Amino acid sequence: MANVSSSRWVKRVVLFTTVATLTSVLTGCSSSHGLEPLAARDRVEAADGVRNATVTTGTDQQTLKTTHFVDVRLQLDGTSSPAQLSRLIDYAIQVGWATDIGHSPTDVQVSVSSPAAVDTLAIVKRLGLEATPASTDHSSALIGAQTLEAKWGRWPGPIPRSLK
């Protein structure tokens, strides 16, 4: 009788452990705390001074490697002060870093179009982020994952509060 009872106990422990392990693995693989691209776009587009925005994701297939990126594009209405413009670009980059694309990104690109020319690269550098130009007119900047991880932690980064 003792063997039957201990056998049931062992089976229950094994079953419980298996279920707990599978739940943990499935939750870790299928759940992210990042934003979906459309939700990311809505957050950026809701900020004062933004006429419209897009947040897209993509893959760059190269000979020896594949890279994944988030591209945040802002079309401004031209009413932002220089300080507001800096906060807006910083916010857009943080939203990009918080966007879940299914693969850890190697870069986040932010592009700004406005009635007045905007040197996005210079603004990103003034924010203390290492960046490279993503366009000849410097309206776009490319920020690497290592830089973003140093500022906001592992990807996907924390979802920023709305910018108003």
Protein backbone atom coordinates (compact mmCIF):
# COMPACT_ATOMS: atom_id res chain seq x y z
CA MET A 1 0.00 0.00 0.00
CA ALA A 2 2.88 2.39 0.79
CA ASN A 3 4.39 1.73 -2.63
CA VAL A 4 1.15 2.68 -4.39
CA SER A 5 0.86 5.93 -2.43
CA SER A 6 4.51 6.92 -2.98
CA SER A 7 4.16 6.00 -6.66
CA ARG A 8 1.20 8.39 -6.97
CA TRP A 9 3.17 11.08 -5.19
CA VAL A 10 6.12 10.66 -7.58
CA LYS A 11 3.77 10.80 -10.59
CA ARG A 12 2.17 13.99 -9.27
CA VAL A 13 5.55 15.63 -8.69
CA VAL A 14 6.70 14.68 -12.18
CA LEU A 15 3.44 15.92 -13.72
CA PHE A 16 3.57 19.19 -11.77
CA THR A 17 7.21 19.77 -12.70
CA THR A 18 6.51 19.06 -16.37
CA VAL A 19 3.52 21.41 -16.48
CA ALA A 20 5.44 24.16 -14.65
CA THR A 21 8.41 23.82 -17.00
CA LEU A 22 6.26 23.87 -20.14
CA THR A 23 4.30 26.87 -18.90
CA SER A 24 7.50 28.74 -18.14
CA VAL A 25 9.04 27.93 -21.52
CA LEU A 26 5.92 28.76 -23.52
CA THR A 27 5.35 32.00 -21.65
CA GLY A 28 8.94 33.06 -22.17
CA CYS A 29 8.84 32.31 -25.89
CA SER A 30 5.44 33.66 -26.78
CA SER A 31 5.23 36.72 -24.64
CA SER A 32 7.09 39.96 -24.89
CA HIS A 33 6.58 43.17 -23.07
CA GLY A 34 7.22 45.19 -26.23
CA LEU A 35 4.83 47.20 -28.36
CA GLU A 36 3.35 45.94 -31.59
CA PRO A 37 4.43 48.19 -34.51
CA LEU A 38 0.94 49.71 -34.89
CA ALA A 39 0.72 50.50 -31.18
CA ALA A 40 4.20 52.04 -31.38
CA ARG A 41 3.09 54.19 -34.31
CA ASP A 42 -0.01 55.32 -32.41
CA ARG A 43 2.12 56.39 -29.43
CA VAL A 44 4.48 58.45 -31.57
CA GLU A 45 1.67 59.89 -33.69
CA ALA A 46 -0.19 61.07 -30.57
CA ALA A 47 2.69 63.34 -29.51
CA ASP A 48 2.25 67.08 -29.95
CA GLY A 49 3.83 68.36 -33.15
CA VAL A 50 3.55 65.08 -35.07
CA ARG A 51 1.36 65.15 -38.17
CA ASN A 52 1.80 61.43 -38.81
CA ALA A 53 4.22 58.63 -38.05
CA THR A 54 5.12 55.15 -39.15
CA VAL A 55 6.90 52.41 -37.26
CA THR A 56 7.99 49.59 -39.49
CA THR A 57 10.27 46.65 -39.06
CA GLY A 58 12.48 44.98 -41.55
CA THR A 59 15.21 42.53 -42.34
CA ASP A 60 18.40 43.23 -44.24
CA GLN A 61 19.64 40.03 -45.86
CA GLN A 62 23.38 40.16 -46.39
CA THR A 63 25.77 37.50 -47.63
CA LEU A 64 26.95 36.30 -44.23
CA LYS A 65 24.32 37.61 -41.85
CA THR A 66 20.80 38.86 -41.48
CA THR A 67 20.03 41.99 -39.49
CA HIS A 68 16.69 43.14 -38.14
CA PHE A 69 15.76 46.75 -37.55
CA VAL A 70 13.01 49.12 -36.45
CA ASP A 71 12.38 52.23 -38.57
CA VAL A 72 10.55 55.15 -36.94
CA ARG A 73 9.52 57.94 -39.30
CA LEU A 74 8.01 61.22 -38.16
CA GLN A 75 6.31 63.87 -40.25
CA LEU A 76 6.14 67.01 -38.12
CA ASP A 77 3.78 69.96 -38.40
CA GLY A 78 6.59 72.48 -37.80
CA THR A 79 5.32 73.84 -34.48
CA SER A 80 7.90 72.17 -32.19
CA SER A 81 10.52 74.25 -30.42
CA PRO A 82 14.12 72.96 -30.47
CA ALA A 83 13.69 71.55 -26.94
CA GLN A 84 10.39 69.86 -27.89
CA LEU A 85 12.01 68.47 -31.04
CA SER A 86 14.82 66.89 -28.98
CA ARG A 87 12.32 65.32 -26.56
CA LEU A 88 10.23 64.07 -29.47
CA ILE A 89 13.20 62.42 -31.21
CA ASP A 90 14.37 60.86 -27.93
CA TYR A 91 10.83 59.56 -27.36
CA ALA A 92 10.60 58.16 -30.90
CA ILE A 93 13.89 56.28 -30.46
CA GLN A 94 12.75 54.87 -27.12
CA VAL A 95 9.44 53.74 -28.65
CA GLY A 96 11.41 52.11 -31.46
CA TRP A 97 13.57 50.25 -28.92
CA ALA A 98 10.40 49.09 -27.15
CA THR A 99 8.88 47.71 -30.39
CA ASP A 100 8.65 43.94 -30.59
CA ILE A 101 9.71 42.69 -34.01
CA GLY A 102 10.16 39.01 -33.24
CA HIS A 103 13.97 39.22 -33.44
CA SER A 104 16.36 41.32 -31.45
CA PRO A 105 17.10 44.35 -33.64
CA THR A 106 20.59 45.45 -34.56
CA ASP A 107 19.52 49.06 -35.13
CA VAL A 108 16.77 51.61 -34.70
CA GLN A 109 16.50 54.24 -37.40
CA VAL A 110 14.70 57.51 -36.78
CA SER A 111 13.79 59.82 -39.67
CA VAL A 112 12.21 63.26 -39.44
CA SER A 113 10.56 65.34 -42.13
CA SER A 114 9.33 68.81 -41.32
CA PRO A 115 8.53 72.09 -43.09
CA ALA A 116 11.93 73.29 -41.80
CA ALA A 117 15.01 71.10 -42.27
CA VAL A 118 15.86 68.99 -39.22
CA ASP A 119 19.36 67.65 -38.60
CA THR A 120 18.19 64.48 -36.86
CA LEU A 121 21.73 63.10 -36.61
CA ALA A 122 22.98 66.19 -34.73
CA ILE A 123 20.01 66.05 -32.34
CA VAL A 124 20.55 62.33 -31.65
CA LYS A 125 24.23 62.99 -30.91
CA ARG A 126 23.31 65.89 -28.56
CA LEU A 127 21.08 63.39 -26.74
CA GLY A 128 24.27 61.44 -26.00
CA LEU A 129 23.57 58.57 -28.39
CA GLU A 130 26.19 57.27 -30.77
CA ALA A 131 24.67 57.31 -34.25
CA THR A 132 25.52 57.24 -37.92
CA PRO A 133 23.78 59.07 -40.73
CA ALA A 134 21.12 57.10 -42.55
CA SER A 135 20.65 59.76 -45.23
CA THR A 136 22.86 62.28 -46.99
CA ASP A 137 20.95 65.25 -45.55
CA HIS A 138 21.17 63.93 -41.95
CA SER A 139 17.37 63.86 -41.60
CA SER A 140 17.77 60.21 -40.51
CA ALA A 141 20.01 58.61 -37.92
CA LEU A 142 20.85 54.99 -37.26
CA ILE A 143 21.41 54.01 -33.62
CA GLY A 144 22.93 50.63 -32.83
CA ALA A 145 21.49 48.12 -30.39
CA GLN A 146 24.50 48.32 -28.04
CA THR A 147 23.98 52.06 -27.62
CA LEU A 148 20.27 51.60 -26.98
CA GLU A 149 20.81 48.75 -24.55
CA ALA A 150 23.27 50.90 -22.59
CA LYS A 151 20.63 53.62 -22.27
CA TRP A 152 17.36 51.67 -21.85
CA GLY A 153 18.34 48.09 -21.04
CA ARG A 154 17.75 44.89 -22.93
CA TRP A 155 15.39 44.82 -25.89
CA PRO A 156 12.50 45.26 -25.95
CA GLY A 157 13.09 48.26 -23.76
CA PRO A 158 10.60 49.73 -21.33
CA ILE A 159 7.53 51.25 -22.93
CA PRO A 160 7.76 55.00 -22.38
CA ARG A 161 4.89 57.03 -21.03
CA SER A 162 2.98 59.08 -23.57
CA LEU A 163 4.64 62.30 -24.60
CA LYS A 164 2.34 65.31 -24.49
